[in-house]
Amino acid sequence: MSMPISTACSLLVVIACLIAVPAERVVAQIDRELEFKIETKMFVDGVQEPVVTNKTIFFQGLIFDFPLAAGSKSPEEVLVYDSNLKTISLLDLKRQMQLKLMDVQLKKMIQSVRQQMAEDDRSRAMIEQSWEEKIDSKKGSLELIGSQNMTYRLTGKQPESAKLLSAYFEFLDVFTRVQITDPKKLPPFARMRLNESIRRIGWMPDRVEVTVGKSDFFPSMFKAKTEHELTLGVAERDRKEIALAKKNWAALPEVTLAKYRGLAEKKNFFERVAEEAKPEPAATE
């Protein structure tokens, strides 16, 4: 299977998922007493101002992610994750619709895409590439060098509370997996490998850089970075934004994956996989 890749958009996706995504592991439930915020600024090489700023708020067992593109006054899409129900909702505020998926569906979609990529020579190289890992605990740095001209460099540290780390990892699992629902974006397998290292050393990143060299997947060299700032507690302004997101979450109509992503209504690969990944309904007496 040849994955559809638009050069500019796909490279920006590399930035969007630079939040150092961890390996696939989900904790039972996020501590409802935890309240904190992570602000992420994403830069492309040669541009001084961030192209996207993400505000991720952990509040009462729910996680809200608000991405704000440069020049925008409000987000066009909001991600809501329910840690208890393991459901992900994407709220399209511009088109007034939402896509709701279960985390187990995303995992199965990733497995299916991996199988499809393994059947294509060019795609197979991306999922089978080898990695060299270099960690400097004193400097708080990690370098991960891939055989397909991709290198990650990260600086970070362990948070004071292990609960913060667990909640952060759970969100990043979901944030990464949801990228698989968009065929215009790159599959997350390289970043998932990076997260294996991050989870093992137990860090929250302060800064992540990626350098992508020219290859069959990438027609030109590309560099990007993200900067991350942790704030304990949730301010009143953020609580108001959460309240508005909850209203939209309850009110916006649910649509199919095909409609949400603007795909052909005829069953395509991603839509078919999403349907096949739905869990069987519980048996009733």
Protein backbone atom coordinates (compact mmCIF):
# COMPACT_ATOMS: atom_id res chain seq x y z
CA MET A 1 0.00 0.00 0.00
CA SER A 2 1.39 3.37 -0.96
CA MET A 3 0.47 5.90 1.70
CA PRO A 4 -0.72 9.25 0.30
CA ILE A 5 1.80 11.92 1.31
CA SER A 6 1.54 15.63 0.64
CA THR A 7 4.99 17.11 1.15
CA ALA A 8 4.14 20.31 3.05
CA CYS A 9 1.22 18.96 5.07
CA SER A 10 2.91 15.68 5.94
CA LEU A 11 6.06 17.37 7.16
CA LEU A 12 4.01 19.60 9.43
CA VAL A 13 2.52 16.44 10.89
CA VAL A 14 6.02 15.48 11.99
CA ILE A 15 5.96 18.64 14.10
CA ALA A 16 2.46 18.07 15.39
CA CYS A 17 3.46 14.75 16.89
CA LEU A 18 6.82 15.84 18.25
CA ILE A 19 5.28 15.89 21.70
CA ALA A 20 7.35 12.77 22.29
CA VAL A 21 4.71 10.12 22.01
CA PRO A 22 5.08 7.07 24.26
CA ALA A 23 4.70 3.38 23.51
CA GLU A 24 1.27 1.77 23.59
CA ARG A 25 0.33 1.35 27.22
CA VAL A 26 -2.74 2.73 28.95
CA VAL A 27 -3.10 3.30 32.67
CA ALA A 28 -6.39 2.33 34.31
CA GLN A 29 -7.67 5.87 34.72
CA ILE A 30 -6.22 9.32 35.17
CA ASP A 31 -6.36 10.59 38.75
CA ARG A 32 -9.36 12.93 38.89
CA GLU A 33 -7.54 15.10 41.42
CA LEU A 34 -4.81 15.94 38.90
CA GLU A 35 -5.12 19.38 37.32
CA PHE A 36 -2.33 20.72 35.15
CA LYS A 37 -1.61 22.21 31.75
CA ILE A 38 1.08 21.73 29.11
CA GLU A 39 1.64 24.40 26.47
CA THR A 40 3.50 23.32 23.36
CA LYS A 41 4.94 25.64 20.72
CA MET A 42 5.84 24.12 17.36
CA PHE A 43 8.38 25.68 15.02
CA VAL A 44 9.57 24.86 11.52
CA ASP A 45 13.16 25.45 10.47
CA GLY A 46 13.85 29.07 9.56
CA VAL A 47 10.63 30.47 11.07
CA GLN A 48 10.92 32.38 14.33
CA GLU A 49 7.25 32.34 15.33
CA PRO A 50 5.45 29.09 16.19
CA VAL A 51 3.28 27.64 13.45
CA VAL A 52 0.99 25.98 15.99
CA THR A 53 0.51 26.32 19.73
CA ASN A 54 -1.16 23.49 21.63
CA LYS A 55 -2.75 23.93 25.04
CA THR A 56 -3.38 20.56 26.69
CA ILE A 57 -5.39 20.65 29.92
CA PHE A 58 -5.76 17.73 32.34
CA PHE A 59 -8.91 18.25 34.39
CA GLN A 60 -11.06 15.86 36.47
CA GLY A 61 -10.12 12.72 34.55
CA LEU A 62 -10.65 14.38 31.17
CA ILE A 63 -8.05 15.78 28.78
CA PHE A 64 -8.71 18.70 26.45
CA ASP A 65 -6.32 19.62 23.65
CA PHE A 66 -6.71 23.01 21.97
CA PRO A 67 -4.45 23.52 18.91
CA LEU A 68 -4.18 27.10 17.72
CA ALA A 69 -2.67 27.80 14.31
CA ALA A 70 -0.58 30.92 13.74
CA GLY A 71 -2.82 33.90 13.06
CA SER A 72 -5.94 32.24 14.46
CA LYS A 73 -7.87 33.62 17.43
CA SER A 74 -9.58 30.36 18.38
CA PRO A 75 -9.08 26.66 17.64
CA GLU A 76 -11.04 25.09 14.80
CA GLU A 77 -10.75 21.62 16.33
CA VAL A 78 -10.66 20.37 19.92
CA LEU A 79 -9.70 16.91 21.11
CA VAL A 80 -11.47 15.53 24.19
CA TYR A 81 -10.31 12.31 25.82
CA ASP A 82 -12.34 10.52 28.50
CA SER A 83 -9.88 8.45 30.52
CA ASN A 84 -12.62 6.43 32.19
CA LEU A 85 -14.46 5.40 29.01
CA LYS A 86 -11.32 5.35 26.82
CA THR A 87 -13.07 7.40 24.14
CA ILE A 88 -11.62 10.11 21.91
CA SER A 89 -13.78 12.87 20.47
CA LEU A 90 -12.61 15.30 17.78
CA LEU A 91 -14.77 18.41 17.74
CA ASP A 92 -14.79 20.32 14.46
CA LEU A 93 -16.00 23.74 15.59
CA LYS A 94 -16.00 25.22 12.09
CA ARG A 95 -18.13 22.52 10.46
CA GLN A 96 -20.10 21.82 13.66
CA MET A 97 -19.58 18.07 13.83
CA GLN A 98 -17.66 15.54 15.86
CA LEU A 99 -15.90 12.23 15.34
CA LYS A 100 -15.99 9.81 18.27
CA LEU A 101 -13.79 6.72 18.45
CA MET A 102 -12.81 4.22 21.09
CA ASP A 103 -9.14 3.80 21.87
CA VAL A 104 -9.34 0.10 20.99
CA GLN A 105 -10.46 1.07 17.48
CA LEU A 106 -7.38 3.25 17.02
CA LYS A 107 -5.11 0.42 18.13
CA LYS A 108 -6.67 -1.94 15.62
CA MET A 109 -6.43 0.67 12.87
CA ILE A 110 -2.72 1.06 13.58
CA GLN A 111 -2.24 -2.69 13.33
CA SER A 112 -4.06 -2.77 9.99
CA VAL A 113 -2.07 0.15 8.56
CA ARG A 114 1.17 -1.47 9.70
CA GLN A 115 0.21 -4.66 7.85
CA GLN A 116 -0.64 -2.70 4.71
CA MET A 117 2.65 -0.79 4.82
CA ALA A 118 4.60 -4.02 5.26
CA GLU A 119 3.31 -5.15 1.86
CA ASP A 120 4.81 -2.14 0.07
CA ASP A 121 8.61 -1.96 -0.45
CA ARG A 122 8.89 1.78 0.10
CA SER A 123 6.57 1.88 3.10
CA ARG A 124 8.13 -1.21 4.66
CA ALA A 125 11.43 0.61 5.07
CA MET A 126 9.76 3.15 7.35
CA ILE A 127 8.29 0.60 9.75
CA GLU A 128 11.29 -1.72 9.74
CA GLN A 129 14.07 0.85 10.10
CA SER A 130 16.66 0.31 12.82
CA TRP A 131 17.40 2.86 15.55
CA GLU A 132 20.48 3.87 17.51
CA GLU A 133 19.78 5.33 20.94
CA LYS A 134 22.06 7.68 22.88
CA ILE A 135 21.12 8.88 26.38
CA ASP A 136 23.04 11.36 28.53
CA SER A 137 21.38 11.34 31.96
CA LYS A 138 23.60 14.12 33.32
CA LYS A 139 22.63 16.51 30.54
CA GLY A 140 19.07 15.23 30.37
CA SER A 141 19.35 14.53 26.66
CA LEU A 142 18.24 11.76 24.36
CA GLU A 143 19.19 11.19 20.72
CA LEU A 144 17.50 8.61 18.53
CA ILE A 145 18.97 8.03 15.09
CA GLY A 146 16.95 6.10 12.50
CA SER A 147 18.33 4.25 9.52
CA GLN A 148 15.91 6.10 7.18
CA ASN A 149 17.48 9.57 7.66
CA MET A 150 15.36 10.56 10.65
CA THR A 151 16.89 11.82 13.91
CA TYR A 152 15.19 12.93 17.13
CA ARG A 153 16.94 15.01 19.79
CA LEU A 154 15.21 15.59 23.10
CA THR A 155 15.90 17.30 26.40
CA GLY A 156 13.75 16.72 29.45
CA LYS A 157 13.55 15.71 33.08
CA GLN A 158 11.55 13.62 35.50
CA PRO A 159 8.55 15.41 37.03
CA GLU A 160 8.19 15.69 40.78
CA SER A 161 5.08 13.51 40.77
CA ALA A 162 4.86 10.14 39.03
CA LYS A 163 1.11 10.75 38.66
CA LEU A 164 1.83 13.60 36.27
CA LEU A 165 3.95 11.32 34.14
CA SER A 166 1.31 8.58 33.97
CA ALA A 167 -1.41 11.01 32.90
CA TYR A 168 0.89 12.67 30.39
CA PHE A 169 1.82 9.34 28.84
CA GLU A 170 -1.79 8.26 28.53
CA PHE A 171 -2.69 11.42 26.64
CA LEU A 172 0.27 11.10 24.33
CA ASP A 173 -0.65 7.52 23.51
CA VAL A 174 -4.03 8.76 22.39
CA PHE A 175 -2.72 11.89 20.68
CA THR A 176 -0.45 9.74 18.55
CA ARG A 177 -2.92 7.03 17.73
CA VAL A 178 -5.60 9.47 16.55
CA GLN A 179 -3.27 10.59 13.72
CA ILE A 180 -3.94 7.23 12.06
CA THR A 181 -7.51 8.34 11.26
CA ASP A 182 -6.25 10.92 8.77
CA PRO A 183 -4.82 9.39 5.55
CA LYS A 184 -3.20 12.75 4.68
CA LYS A 185 -0.92 12.45 7.68
CA LEU A 186 2.13 10.33 8.27
CA PRO A 187 1.68 7.10 10.22
CA PRO A 188 3.10 7.42 13.75
CA PHE A 189 5.48 4.44 13.87
CA ALA A 190 8.75 6.40 14.10
CA ARG A 191 7.42 8.52 16.93
CA MET A 192 6.13 5.44 18.70
CA ARG A 193 9.68 4.12 18.70
CA LEU A 194 10.92 7.37 20.20
CA ASN A 195 8.38 6.98 22.96
CA GLU A 196 9.70 3.61 23.97
CA SER A 197 12.90 5.39 24.99
CA ILE A 198 11.05 8.22 26.71
CA ARG A 199 8.87 5.92 28.76
CA ARG A 200 11.86 3.85 29.80
CA ILE A 201 13.76 6.87 31.17
CA GLY A 202 10.61 8.49 32.58
CA TRP A 203 11.04 12.04 31.30
CA MET A 204 8.68 14.83 30.35
CA PRO A 205 10.25 16.72 27.41
CA ASP A 206 11.23 20.38 27.56
CA ARG A 207 12.30 20.45 23.92
CA VAL A 208 12.16 18.01 21.00
CA GLU A 209 13.88 18.40 17.65
CA VAL A 210 13.53 16.29 14.54
CA THR A 211 15.68 16.27 11.44
CA VAL A 212 14.39 14.42 8.40
CA GLY A 213 16.78 13.77 5.55
CA LYS A 214 15.88 13.30 1.91
CA SER A 215 14.47 9.85 1.15
CA ASP A 216 11.74 8.08 -0.80
CA PHE A 217 9.26 9.28 1.81
CA PHE A 218 10.62 12.82 2.11
CA PRO A 219 11.61 14.61 -1.12
CA SER A 220 13.57 17.28 0.76
CA MET A 221 15.37 17.76 4.08
CA PHE A 222 13.28 19.13 6.91
CA LYS A 223 13.85 20.34 10.49
CA ALA A 224 11.36 21.16 13.21
CA LYS A 225 11.20 21.55 16.98
CA THR A 226 8.73 21.83 19.82
CA GLU A 227 9.06 23.56 23.19
CA HIS A 228 6.98 22.48 26.19
CA GLU A 229 5.98 24.29 29.39
CA LEU A 230 4.26 22.62 32.36
CA THR A 231 1.92 24.58 34.66
CA LEU A 232 0.40 23.01 37.76
CA GLY A 233 -3.26 23.81 38.38
CA VAL A 234 -5.92 25.09 35.97
CA ALA A 235 -6.60 28.82 35.75
CA GLU A 236 -10.09 30.33 35.62
CA ARG A 237 -9.64 31.28 31.96
CA ASP A 238 -8.82 27.66 31.12
CA ARG A 239 -11.85 26.44 33.08
CA LYS A 240 -14.10 28.64 30.94
CA GLU A 241 -12.56 27.18 27.80
CA ILE A 242 -13.17 23.69 29.18
CA ALA A 243 -16.82 24.55 29.92
CA LEU A 244 -17.35 25.68 26.32
CA ALA A 245 -15.67 22.55 24.99
CA LYS A 246 -17.97 20.40 27.15
CA LYS A 247 -21.03 22.14 25.69
CA ASN A 248 -19.84 21.45 22.14
CA TRP A 249 -18.93 17.90 23.10
CA ALA A 250 -22.51 17.29 24.25
CA ALA A 251 -24.23 19.15 21.41
CA LEU A 252 -22.31 18.50 18.18
CA PRO A 253 -23.70 15.66 16.04
CA GLU A 254 -21.53 12.59 15.49
CA VAL A 255 -20.52 11.78 11.92
CA THR A 256 -18.64 8.98 10.19
CA LEU A 257 -14.90 8.97 9.77
CA ALA A 258 -15.31 9.45 6.02
CA LYS A 259 -17.44 12.56 6.45
CA TYR A 260 -15.24 14.02 9.16
CA ARG A 261 -12.05 13.58 7.14
CA GLY A 262 -13.65 14.63 3.85
CA LEU A 263 -13.11 11.25 2.24
CA ALA A 264 -15.21 9.64 -0.46
CA GLU A 265 -18.41 8.21 0.98
CA LYS A 266 -17.64 4.91 -0.73
CA LYS A 267 -15.97 2.67 1.82
CA ASN A 268 -12.26 3.46 1.78
CA PHE A 269 -9.48 1.67 3.62
CA PHE A 270 -9.56 3.88 6.72
CA GLU A 271 -13.36 3.83 7.01
CA ARG A 272 -13.46 0.06 6.56
CA VAL A 273 -10.80 -0.52 9.18
CA ALA A 274 -12.56 1.79 11.65
CA GLU A 275 -15.79 -0.17 11.28
CA GLU A 276 -14.06 -3.53 11.57
CA ALA A 277 -12.31 -2.29 14.71
CA LYS A 278 -15.54 -1.56 16.56
CA PRO A 279 -15.85 -3.79 19.63
CA GLU A 280 -18.63 -6.39 19.64
CA PRO A 281 -21.72 -5.32 21.64
CA ALA A 282 -22.01 -6.91 25.04
CA ALA A 283 -24.27 -9.95 25.21
CA THR A 284 -27.57 -9.50 27.02
CA GLU A 285 -29.52 -12.06 28.99
